[in-house]
Amino acid sequence: MKIAVIRIGGQTKNKTEVESTFKMLNLPRKFSCTVLEETPIIWGMIKKIKDQITYGKITDETLALLKKREEKGRGFYRLHPPIGGFEKKGTKRSFKEGGALGDRGEKIKELIKKMV
């Protein structure tokens, strides 16, 4: 299964360890997205930066939608800020609490549609 990871947090005031994790996951800037295979190593990296990203499992249909925004030869997708904004409670709370961060599951598709 593939996982889409979208960086929500910016680049300032991050620890070096967190920034290096973003580099390894190929998430260089805010609103960039990458698609990864589900492995224990990837889950460990996601856990480390969970306070600045949102993620979920995607289908081939959603992946085809993302292909429109692919950064040439870089392995990540540059997205726009979501049309209509993020969820009601903003970008500092988890998705389960009504915010934008953390695991969205299948609902990541809706966010990607708003950002493409």
Protein backbone atom coordinates (compact mmCIF):
# COMPACT_ATOMS: atom_id res chain seq x y z
CA MET A 1 0.00 0.00 0.00
CA LYS A 2 1.19 3.52 -0.72
CA ILE A 3 1.09 6.46 1.67
CA ALA A 4 0.85 10.13 0.66
CA VAL A 5 2.67 12.46 3.07
CA ILE A 6 2.03 16.23 2.88
CA ARG A 7 4.17 18.75 4.75
CA ILE A 8 1.98 21.31 6.54
CA GLY A 9 4.56 22.98 8.81
CA GLY A 10 7.10 25.49 7.58
CA GLN A 11 10.88 25.40 7.60
CA THR A 12 11.81 27.70 10.46
CA LYS A 13 12.76 26.68 14.00
CA ASN A 14 13.08 22.97 13.23
CA LYS A 15 15.68 20.81 14.91
CA THR A 16 18.40 19.47 12.62
CA GLU A 17 17.12 15.94 13.24
CA VAL A 18 13.63 16.89 12.03
CA GLU A 19 14.94 18.71 8.95
CA SER A 20 17.10 15.73 8.00
CA THR A 21 14.02 13.50 8.25
CA PHE A 22 12.16 15.84 5.90
CA LYS A 23 15.10 15.60 3.46
CA MET A 24 15.08 11.80 3.62
CA LEU A 25 11.35 11.73 2.92
CA ASN A 26 11.82 14.26 0.09
CA LEU A 27 9.62 16.98 1.64
CA PRO A 28 11.73 20.12 1.12
CA ARG A 29 9.09 22.82 1.67
CA LYS A 30 5.61 23.59 2.90
CA PHE A 31 2.78 22.04 0.85
CA SER A 32 5.06 19.49 -0.80
CA CYS A 33 3.83 15.91 -1.04
CA THR A 34 5.56 12.60 -1.55
CA VAL A 35 4.24 9.08 -2.07
CA LEU A 36 5.99 6.31 -0.15
CA GLU A 37 5.76 2.56 0.25
CA GLU A 38 4.50 1.40 3.63
CA THR A 39 7.47 0.01 5.63
CA PRO A 40 8.46 0.06 9.32
CA ILE A 41 11.31 2.49 8.56
CA ILE A 42 8.95 4.94 6.85
CA TRP A 43 6.49 4.69 9.77
CA GLY A 44 9.33 5.52 12.17
CA MET A 45 10.20 8.65 10.19
CA ILE A 46 6.54 9.67 9.99
CA LYS A 47 6.24 9.28 13.76
CA LYS A 48 9.22 11.62 14.24
CA ILE A 49 7.68 14.46 12.20
CA LYS A 50 3.98 13.82 12.87
CA ASP A 51 3.47 17.32 14.31
CA GLN A 52 4.18 18.95 10.94
CA ILE A 53 2.63 16.60 8.40
CA THR A 54 -0.60 14.95 7.39
CA TYR A 55 -0.71 11.54 5.74
CA GLY A 56 -2.96 8.75 4.59
CA LYS A 57 -3.25 5.74 2.32
CA ILE A 58 -3.95 6.54 -1.32
CA THR A 59 -5.34 4.72 -4.31
CA ASP A 60 -4.07 4.66 -7.89
CA GLU A 61 -6.80 7.17 -8.82
CA THR A 62 -5.45 9.69 -6.31
CA LEU A 63 -1.89 9.06 -7.48
CA ALA A 64 -2.96 9.85 -11.05
CA LEU A 65 -4.44 13.12 -9.79
CA LEU A 66 -1.12 14.01 -8.14
CA LYS A 67 0.88 13.36 -11.32
CA LYS A 68 -0.32 16.74 -12.66
CA ARG A 69 1.70 18.54 -9.99
CA GLU A 70 4.92 16.49 -10.14
CA GLU A 71 8.16 18.44 -9.82
CA LYS A 72 10.29 17.33 -12.76
CA GLY A 73 12.84 14.72 -11.69
CA ARG A 74 12.66 15.54 -7.99
CA GLY A 75 10.34 12.80 -6.72
CA PHE A 76 7.89 15.09 -4.95
CA TYR A 77 4.74 17.00 -5.80
CA ARG A 78 4.35 20.74 -5.22
CA LEU A 79 0.80 21.51 -4.14
CA HIS A 80 -1.16 24.71 -3.63
CA PRO A 81 -2.63 25.70 -0.27
CA PRO A 82 -6.05 23.99 -0.01
CA ILE A 83 -8.96 25.80 -1.63
CA GLY A 84 -11.32 26.69 1.20
CA GLY A 85 -8.56 26.28 3.78
CA PHE A 86 -7.77 23.48 6.18
CA GLU A 87 -10.16 22.06 8.72
CA LYS A 88 -11.92 24.27 11.25
CA LYS A 89 -9.38 24.04 14.07
CA GLY A 90 -6.35 24.88 11.90
CA THR A 91 -2.86 23.48 11.45
CA LYS A 92 -1.86 23.03 15.09
CA ARG A 93 -4.20 20.17 16.05
CA SER A 94 -4.55 16.59 14.94
CA PHE A 95 -7.13 15.52 12.38
CA LYS A 96 -9.01 13.57 15.05
CA GLU A 97 -9.43 16.80 17.06
CA GLY A 98 -10.73 18.72 14.04
CA GLY A 99 -7.35 20.07 12.86
CA ALA A 100 -5.13 19.32 9.88
CA LEU A 101 -2.22 17.22 11.24
CA GLY A 102 -1.67 13.48 11.52
CA ASP A 103 -3.34 10.42 10.02
CA ARG A 104 -6.33 11.04 7.75
CA GLY A 105 -6.70 7.53 6.40
CA GLU A 106 -8.76 7.48 3.21
CA LYS A 107 -9.77 11.15 3.64
CA ILE A 108 -6.35 12.28 2.37
CA LYS A 109 -7.92 12.07 -1.11
CA GLU A 110 -10.27 14.97 -0.30
CA LEU A 111 -7.36 17.17 0.84
CA ILE A 112 -5.30 16.34 -2.26
CA LYS A 113 -8.24 17.30 -4.49
CA LYS A 114 -8.41 20.68 -2.72
CA MET A 115 -4.66 21.23 -3.17
CA VAL A 116 -4.12 20.20 -6.82
